[in-house]
C-alpha atoms as a PDB file:
ATOM      1  CA  UNK A   1      73.616  12.362 276.406  1.00  0.00           C
ATOM      2  CA  UNK A   2      72.498  16.142 275.924  1.00  0.00           C
ATOM      3  CA  UNK A   3      74.836  18.519 277.892  1.00  0.00           C
ATOM      4  CA  UNK A   4      72.948  21.919 278.642  1.00  0.00           C
ATOM      5  CA  UNK A   5      76.280  23.599 278.899  1.00  0.00           C
ATOM      6  CA  UNK A   6      77.427  23.061 275.404  1.00  0.00           C
ATOM      7  CA  UNK A   7      73.915  22.419 273.583  1.00  0.00           C
ATOM      8  CA  UNK A   8      75.826  19.382 272.277  1.00  0.00           C
ATOM      9  CA  UNK A   9      75.071  15.539 272.318  1.00  0.00           C
ATOM     10  CA  UNK A  10      77.915  13.733 273.968  1.00  0.00           C
ATOM     11  CA  UNK A  11      78.589  10.047 273.332  1.00  0.00           C
ATOM     12  CA  UNK A  12      81.019   9.950 276.344  1.00  0.00           C
ATOM     13  CA  UNK A  13      78.227   8.864 278.649  1.00  0.00           C
ATOM     14  CA  UNK A  14      76.880   6.188 276.607  1.00  0.00           C
ATOM     15  CA  UNK A  15      77.952   2.761 277.713  1.00  0.00           C
ATOM     16  CA  UNK A  16      80.031   0.387 275.670  1.00  0.00           C
ATOM     17  CA  UNK A  17      83.123   0.539 273.451  1.00  0.00           C
ATOM     18  CA  UNK A  18      84.595   3.715 271.582  1.00  0.00           C
ATOM     19  CA  UNK A  19      83.909   1.754 268.613  1.00  0.00           C
ATOM     20  CA  UNK A  20      80.532   1.061 269.231  1.00  0.00           C
ATOM     21  CA  UNK A  21      80.172   5.029 270.213  1.00  0.00           C
ATOM     22  CA  UNK A  22      81.323   5.872 266.881  1.00  0.00           C
ATOM     23  CA  UNK A  23      78.945   3.534 264.910  1.00  0.00           C
ATOM     24  CA  UNK A  24      76.150   5.259 266.586  1.00  0.00           C
ATOM     25  CA  UNK A  25      77.348   8.781 265.938  1.00  0.00           C
ATOM     26  CA  UNK A  26      77.874   7.757 262.361  1.00  0.00           C
ATOM     27  CA  UNK A  27      74.366   6.295 261.879  1.00  0.00           C
ATOM     28  CA  UNK A  28      72.702   9.072 263.690  1.00  0.00           C
ATOM     29  CA  UNK A  29      74.578  11.391 261.492  1.00  0.00           C
ATOM     30  CA  UNK A  30      73.604   9.990 258.270  1.00  0.00           C
ATOM     31  CA  UNK A  31      70.074   9.650 259.098  1.00  0.00           C
ATOM     32  CA  UNK A  32      69.773  13.445 260.200  1.00  0.00           C
ATOM     33  CA  UNK A  33      71.634  14.420 257.010  1.00  0.00           C
ATOM     34  CA  UNK A  34      69.660  12.165 254.722  1.00  0.00           C
ATOM     35  CA  UNK A  35      66.465  13.320 256.235  1.00  0.00           C
ATOM     36  CA  UNK A  36      67.162  16.817 255.996  1.00  0.00           C
ATOM     37  CA  UNK A  37      68.242  16.498 252.324  1.00  0.00           C
ATOM     38  CA  UNK A  38      65.696  14.241 251.207  1.00  0.00           C
ATOM     39  CA  UNK A  39      62.665  16.374 253.160  1.00  0.00           C
ATOM     40  CA  UNK A  40      63.520  20.128 252.930  1.00  0.00           C
ATOM     41  CA  UNK A  41      63.427  20.601 249.293  1.00  0.00           C
ATOM     42  CA  UNK A  42      60.579  18.289 248.852  1.00  0.00           C
ATOM     43  CA  UNK A  43      58.788  19.897 251.436  1.00  0.00           C
ATOM     44  CA  UNK A  44      59.171  23.290 250.249  1.00  0.00           C
ATOM     45  CA  UNK A  45      58.268  21.890 246.762  1.00  0.00           C
ATOM     46  CA  UNK A  46      54.926  20.521 248.246  1.00  0.00           C
ATOM     47  CA  UNK A  47      54.394  23.567 250.148  1.00  0.00           C
ATOM     48  CA  UNK A  48      54.713  25.820 246.760  1.00  0.00           C
ATOM     49  CA  UNK A  49      52.350  23.713 244.638  1.00  0.00           C
ATOM     50  CA  UNK A  50      49.467  23.884 247.506  1.00  0.00           C
ATOM     51  CA  UNK A  51      49.502  27.270 248.262  1.00  0.00           C
ATOM     52  CA  UNK A  52      49.264  28.229 244.700  1.00  0.00           C
ATOM     53  CA  UNK A  53      45.817  29.074 243.231  1.00  0.00           C
ATOM     54  CA  UNK A  54      44.178  30.717 240.185  1.00  0.00           C
ATOM     55  CA  UNK A  55      43.059  34.103 241.399  1.00  0.00           C
ATOM     56  CA  UNK A  56      41.234  34.968 238.028  1.00  0.00           C
ATOM     57  CA  UNK A  57      40.483  33.649 234.803  1.00  0.00           C
ATOM     58  CA  UNK A  58      38.372  35.322 232.174  1.00  0.00           C
ATOM     59  CA  UNK A  59      38.057  35.587 228.295  1.00  0.00           C
ATOM     60  CA  UNK A  60      38.375  39.267 226.902  1.00  0.00           C
ATOM     61  CA  UNK A  61      38.346  40.991 223.470  1.00  0.00           C
ATOM     62  CA  UNK A  62      41.482  42.965 224.458  1.00  0.00           C
ATOM     63  CA  UNK A  63      44.459  42.988 226.980  1.00  0.00           C
ATOM     64  CA  UNK A  64      46.075  46.263 227.591  1.00  0.00           C
ATOM     65  CA  UNK A  65      48.723  46.862 230.266  1.00  0.00           C
ATOM     66  CA  UNK A  66      48.525  43.115 231.186  1.00  0.00           C
ATOM     67  CA  UNK A  67      45.035  43.300 232.196  1.00  0.00           C
ATOM     68  CA  UNK A  68      41.613  42.237 230.376  1.00  0.00           C
ATOM     69  CA  UNK A  69      39.558  44.702 228.577  1.00  0.00           C
ATOM     70  CA  UNK A  70      35.797  44.060 227.878  1.00  0.00           C
ATOM     71  CA  UNK A  71      35.220  40.507 229.686  1.00  0.00           C
ATOM     72  CA  UNK A  72      33.278  38.453 227.741  1.00  0.00           C
ATOM     73  CA  UNK A  73      31.145  34.942 228.362  1.00  0.00           C
ATOM     74  CA  UNK A  74      30.072  34.904 225.018  1.00  0.00           C
ATOM     75  CA  UNK A  75      31.136  35.961 221.288  1.00  0.00           C
ATOM     76  CA  UNK A  76      29.328  36.116 217.880  1.00  0.00           C
ATOM     77  CA  UNK A  77      31.058  34.302 214.980  1.00  0.00           C
ATOM     78  CA  UNK A  78      32.336  37.512 213.234  1.00  0.00           C
ATOM     79  CA  UNK A  79      34.529  38.062 216.143  1.00  0.00           C
ATOM     80  CA  UNK A  80      37.216  35.702 215.401  1.00  0.00           C
ATOM     81  CA  UNK A  81      40.222  36.657 218.039  1.00  0.00           C
ATOM     82  CA  UNK A  82      39.558  36.169 221.891  1.00  0.00           C
ATOM     83  CA  UNK A  83      42.329  36.477 224.584  1.00  0.00           C
ATOM     84  CA  UNK A  84      42.074  34.232 227.939  1.00  0.00           C
ATOM     85  CA  UNK A  85      43.817  36.004 230.997  1.00  0.00           C
ATOM     86  CA  UNK A  86      44.836  34.554 234.105  1.00  0.00           C
ATOM     87  CA  UNK A  87      46.362  35.689 237.511  1.00  0.00           C
ATOM     88  CA  UNK A  88      48.295  33.120 239.284  1.00  0.00           C
ATOM     89  CA  UNK A  89      49.508  33.595 243.016  1.00  0.00           C
ATOM     90  CA  UNK A  90      51.852  31.425 244.775  1.00  0.00           C
ATOM     91  CA  UNK A  91      53.369  29.424 241.911  1.00  0.00           C
ATOM     92  CA  UNK A  92      56.622  31.324 241.519  1.00  0.00           C
ATOM     93  CA  UNK A  93      59.344  29.117 239.830  1.00  0.00           C
ATOM     94  CA  UNK A  94      56.733  26.880 238.300  1.00  0.00           C
ATOM     95  CA  UNK A  95      54.909  26.485 235.015  1.00  0.00           C
ATOM     96  CA  UNK A  96      51.280  26.931 234.069  1.00  0.00           C
ATOM     97  CA  UNK A  97      49.223  25.997 230.998  1.00  0.00           C
ATOM     98  CA  UNK A  98      46.545  27.425 229.043  1.00  0.00           C
ATOM     99  CA  UNK A  99      44.810  24.245 227.461  1.00  0.00           C
ATOM    100  CA  UNK A 100      42.257  24.989 224.935  1.00  0.00           C
ATOM    101  CA  UNK A 101      39.214  22.838 224.296  1.00  0.00           C
ATOM    102  CA  UNK A 102      36.718  22.573 221.766  1.00  0.00           C
ATOM    103  CA  UNK A 103      34.352  19.439 221.887  1.00  0.00           C
ATOM    104  CA  UNK A 104      36.236  17.671 223.915  1.00  0.00           C
ATOM    105  CA  UNK A 105      39.327  18.121 222.071  1.00  0.00           C
ATOM    106  CA  UNK A 106      42.491  20.068 222.539  1.00  0.00           C
ATOM    107  CA  UNK A 107      42.801  22.628 220.198  1.00  0.00           C
ATOM    108  CA  UNK A 108      45.905  24.383 221.558  1.00  0.00           C
ATOM    109  CA  UNK A 109      48.125  24.492 224.937  1.00  0.00           C
ATOM    110  CA  UNK A 110      50.474  27.318 225.629  1.00  0.00           C
ATOM    111  CA  UNK A 111      53.028  27.234 228.441  1.00  0.00           C
ATOM    112  CA  UNK A 112      54.019  30.146 230.797  1.00  0.00           C
ATOM    113  CA  UNK A 113      56.921  30.103 233.559  1.00  0.00           C
ATOM    114  CA  UNK A 114      55.633  31.978 236.669  1.00  0.00           C
ATOM    115  CA  UNK A 115      58.460  34.405 237.414  1.00  0.00           C
ATOM    116  CA  UNK A 116      56.799  36.201 240.435  1.00  0.00           C
ATOM    117  CA  UNK A 117      54.440  35.888 243.565  1.00  0.00           C
ATOM    118  CA  UNK A 118      51.721  37.060 241.253  1.00  0.00           C
ATOM    119  CA  UNK A 119      51.759  36.729 237.657  1.00  0.00           C
ATOM    120  CA  UNK A 120      49.284  37.567 234.899  1.00  0.00           C
ATOM    121  CA  UNK A 121      49.461  35.956 231.669  1.00  0.00           C
ATOM    122  CA  UNK A 122      47.188  35.733 228.509  1.00  0.00           C
ATOM    123  CA  UNK A 123      47.065  33.521 225.578  1.00  0.00           C
ATOM    124  CA  UNK A 124      44.746  34.166 222.406  1.00  0.00           C
ATOM    125  CA  UNK A 125      43.226  32.077 219.793  1.00  0.00           C
ATOM    126  CA  UNK A 126      41.673  32.942 216.441  1.00  0.00           C
ATOM    127  CA  UNK A 127      38.435  31.056 216.475  1.00  0.00           C
ATOM    128  CA  UNK A 128      36.650  30.387 212.818  1.00  0.00           C
ATOM    129  CA  UNK A 129      33.400  30.343 212.273  1.00  0.00           C
ATOM    130  CA  UNK A 130      33.118  26.874 211.573  1.00  0.00           C
ATOM    131  CA  UNK A 131      34.120  26.216 215.561  1.00  0.00           C
ATOM    132  CA  UNK A 132      30.961  27.655 216.903  1.00  0.00           C
ATOM    133  CA  UNK A 133      29.944  26.169 220.381  1.00  0.00           C
ATOM    134  CA  UNK A 134      31.276  26.201 223.850  1.00  0.00           C
ATOM    135  CA  UNK A 135      34.729  26.574 224.434  1.00  0.00           C
ATOM    136  CA  UNK A 136      36.786  25.812 227.537  1.00  0.00           C
ATOM    137  CA  UNK A 137      40.133  26.993 228.838  1.00  0.00           C
ATOM    138  CA  UNK A 138      41.596  24.636 231.690  1.00  0.00           C
ATOM    139  CA  UNK A 139      44.617  26.197 233.531  1.00  0.00           C
ATOM    140  CA  UNK A 140      47.225  23.667 234.649  1.00  0.00           C
ATOM    141  CA  UNK A 141      50.037  23.720 236.891  1.00  0.00           C
ATOM    142  CA  UNK A 142      53.481  21.624 236.017  1.00  0.00           C
ATOM    143  CA  UNK A 143      52.159  18.701 237.625  1.00  0.00           C
ATOM    144  CA  UNK A 144      48.909  18.639 235.382  1.00  0.00           C
ATOM    145  CA  UNK A 145      46.951  19.688 238.251  1.00  0.00           C
ATOM    146  CA  UNK A 146      43.909  21.742 237.145  1.00  0.00           C
ATOM    147  CA  UNK A 147      43.734  25.163 238.940  1.00  0.00           C
ATOM    148  CA  UNK A 148      40.625  25.812 237.197  1.00  0.00           C
ATOM    149  CA  UNK A 149      38.592  26.422 233.742  1.00  0.00           C
ATOM    150  CA  UNK A 150      36.432  28.896 232.338  1.00  0.00           C
ATOM    151  CA  UNK A 151      34.116  28.643 229.388  1.00  0.00           C
ATOM    152  CA  UNK A 152      33.082  30.652 226.327  1.00  0.00           C
ATOM    153  CA  UNK A 153      30.052  30.351 224.044  1.00  0.00           C
ATOM    154  CA  UNK A 154      31.106  31.095 220.611  1.00  0.00           C
ATOM    155  CA  UNK A 155      28.571  31.805 218.269  1.00  0.00           C
ATOM    156  CA  UNK A 156      26.109  33.486 220.308  1.00  0.00           C
ATOM    157  CA  UNK A 157      25.423  36.885 221.195  1.00  0.00           C
ATOM    158  CA  UNK A 158      27.790  39.192 222.975  1.00  0.00           C
ATOM    159  CA  UNK A 159      27.268  38.381 226.466  1.00  0.00           C
ATOM    160  CA  UNK A 160      29.528  41.140 228.371  1.00  0.00           C
ATOM    161  CA  UNK A 161      30.438  41.120 232.011  1.00  0.00           C
ATOM    162  CA  UNK A 162      32.696  39.197 234.569  1.00  0.00           C
ATOM    163  CA  UNK A 163      32.072  35.476 233.955  1.00  0.00           C
ATOM    164  CA  UNK A 164      33.043  33.508 237.062  1.00  0.00           C
ATOM    165  CA  UNK A 165      36.071  30.934 236.580  1.00  0.00           C
ATOM    166  CA  UNK A 166      35.245  27.519 237.961  1.00  0.00           C
ATOM    167  CA  UNK A 167      38.167  26.516 240.180  1.00  0.00           C
ATOM    168  CA  UNK A 168      39.221  22.768 240.183  1.00  0.00           C
ATOM    169  CA  UNK A 169      37.510  20.601 242.569  1.00  0.00           C
ATOM    170  CA  UNK A 170      39.860  19.422 245.872  1.00  0.00           C
ATOM    171  CA  UNK A 171      39.548  15.685 244.748  1.00  0.00           C
ATOM    172  CA  UNK A 172      41.045  16.530 241.428  1.00  0.00           C
END
């Protein structure tokens, strides 16, 4: 029974032998300890993953002071190097990946450790003129869940501005 004075559970009022009370106490202790050990870290892990998000994702011609300079959504083929910048929020302690795709094929994958509550990272790719067409960079967390994607048209005129990234749909 719970005794308000001591804020403790007392087995003295339970009926039965001392051996039965000890078995009940051992069983309850094991169940409570196991539940705390099994669920607390997993709950914290699940919470971090579901709260994490892709705040910004953009292609740029340059990165300065960990920020994109000259955001673009298309580039001509005479401009070979392009940067992909992301700002990640709420995934501290996790790993994210930039997956560079061209015509449905993975051309490069770059991993980053997220070491803070707001983390900015970028990767770059030297694009060859024969690789003209649409490029997609998908941002994935360490479980493989897509946080979002952004596309670049390579081989067209320069289209400057801040193109919108496409967040992953909830059913992904």
